[in-house]
Amino acid sequence: MSYGFSVRGATVALALAAVGPKFDEVVASQPVHAKDRDVAIATATAIADLVGEPDEGQEVSITVGGWLQWQVAVAAGEVPDAFTGASVSASASIVPAGS
């Protein structure tokens, strides 16, 4: 099961502050991603910390994506105990504001 989203903020801190609530939306629709939530947020934080603060007329864009795979059958809404694959990726960049 996969997800992907982007958030923006006028500063790195503001963009990062939007990552958690956005990931909570993912978990609400795909409960299995409660398992990789902390890893995804930590990855986004680590990569965003490499980006400097934007200048006037710019903002920080953070994109997070990932997936989990498993082979054991589970009922709808249940979360497997073990996974056979996982991925988390994040990018951060300074972009023109409002673009």
Protein backbone atom coordinates (compact mmCIF):
# COMPACT_ATOMS: atom_id res chain seq x y z
CA MET A 1 0.00 0.00 0.00
CA SER A 2 1.49 3.33 -1.02
CA TYR A 3 1.11 7.03 -0.32
CA GLY A 4 2.56 10.32 -1.45
CA PHE A 5 1.99 13.96 -0.59
CA SER A 6 3.58 17.41 -0.63
CA VAL A 7 3.39 20.27 1.83
CA ARG A 8 4.71 23.83 1.76
CA GLY A 9 5.65 26.47 4.27
CA ALA A 10 7.22 29.91 4.46
CA THR A 11 10.05 28.39 6.56
CA VAL A 12 11.52 24.91 7.00
CA ALA A 13 9.85 24.68 10.43
CA LEU A 14 6.44 25.61 9.03
CA ALA A 15 6.73 23.11 6.20
CA LEU A 16 7.80 20.39 8.62
CA ALA A 17 4.91 21.27 10.94
CA ALA A 18 2.56 20.36 8.10
CA VAL A 19 4.08 16.90 7.52
CA GLY A 20 2.61 15.23 10.65
CA PRO A 21 -1.00 16.31 10.06
CA LYS A 22 -0.75 15.36 6.39
CA PHE A 23 0.60 11.94 7.34
CA ASP A 24 -2.27 11.57 9.81
CA GLU A 25 -4.61 11.90 6.79
CA VAL A 26 -2.74 9.01 5.16
CA VAL A 27 -3.13 6.89 8.30
CA ALA A 28 -6.83 7.74 8.52
CA SER A 29 -7.41 6.30 5.04
CA GLN A 30 -4.70 3.58 5.21
CA PRO A 31 -4.27 2.49 8.86
CA VAL A 32 -1.30 0.26 7.98
CA HIS A 33 0.84 3.38 7.57
CA ALA A 34 0.71 4.00 11.32
CA LYS A 35 3.62 1.50 11.25
CA ASP A 36 5.90 3.73 9.14
CA ARG A 37 4.64 7.16 10.23
CA ASP A 38 7.54 7.93 12.57
CA VAL A 39 10.14 6.77 10.03
CA ALA A 40 8.57 8.90 7.29
CA ILE A 41 8.45 12.01 9.48
CA ALA A 42 12.04 11.47 10.63
CA THR A 43 13.16 11.07 7.01
CA ALA A 44 11.35 14.25 5.97
CA THR A 45 12.88 16.11 8.90
CA ALA A 46 16.40 14.93 8.14
CA ILE A 47 16.21 15.92 4.49
CA ALA A 48 14.48 19.26 5.16
CA ASP A 49 17.18 20.17 7.67
CA LEU A 50 19.66 20.14 4.76
CA VAL A 51 17.77 22.92 2.98
CA GLY A 52 18.40 26.53 3.94
CA GLU A 53 15.67 29.00 4.72
CA PRO A 54 13.89 30.54 1.74
CA ASP A 55 14.31 34.14 0.71
CA GLU A 56 11.43 36.58 0.32
CA GLY A 57 9.08 35.35 -2.39
CA GLN A 58 10.07 31.73 -1.83
CA GLU A 59 8.88 28.83 0.30
CA VAL A 60 9.94 25.33 1.28
CA SER A 61 8.31 22.36 -0.43
CA ILE A 62 8.56 18.90 1.15
CA THR A 63 7.43 15.76 -0.64
CA VAL A 64 7.09 12.42 1.16
CA GLY A 65 6.21 9.06 -0.36
CA GLY A 66 6.46 5.43 0.51
CA TRP A 67 4.94 1.99 0.55
CA LEU A 68 4.62 -1.15 2.61
CA GLN A 69 4.12 -4.69 1.34
CA TRP A 70 3.15 -7.88 3.10
CA GLN A 71 2.19 -11.43 2.15
CA VAL A 72 -0.03 -12.48 5.03
CA ALA A 73 -3.73 -12.03 4.42
CA VAL A 74 -5.39 -9.62 6.85
CA ALA A 75 -8.98 -8.51 7.17
CA ALA A 76 -9.93 -5.07 5.90
CA GLY A 77 -8.75 -2.39 8.31
CA GLU A 78 -6.36 -4.72 10.13
CA VAL A 79 -2.62 -4.09 10.17
CA PRO A 80 -0.16 -6.93 9.52
CA ASP A 81 2.51 -7.68 12.12
CA ALA A 82 5.33 -8.21 9.62
CA PHE A 83 6.22 -6.74 6.25
CA THR A 84 8.12 -8.13 3.29
CA GLY A 85 9.09 -4.74 1.94
CA ALA A 86 9.08 -1.07 2.84
CA SER A 87 10.12 2.24 1.33
CA VAL A 88 10.17 5.85 2.46
CA SER A 89 11.50 8.76 0.46
CA ALA A 90 11.51 12.48 1.02
CA SER A 91 12.65 15.56 -0.83
CA ALA A 92 12.84 19.19 0.14
CA SER A 93 13.44 22.22 -1.99
CA ILE A 94 13.06 25.96 -2.07
CA VAL A 95 10.52 27.02 -4.66
CA PRO A 96 8.85 30.25 -5.71
CA ALA A 97 5.99 31.07 -3.34
CA GLY A 98 2.58 30.16 -4.66
CA SER A 99 3.87 28.25 -7.67
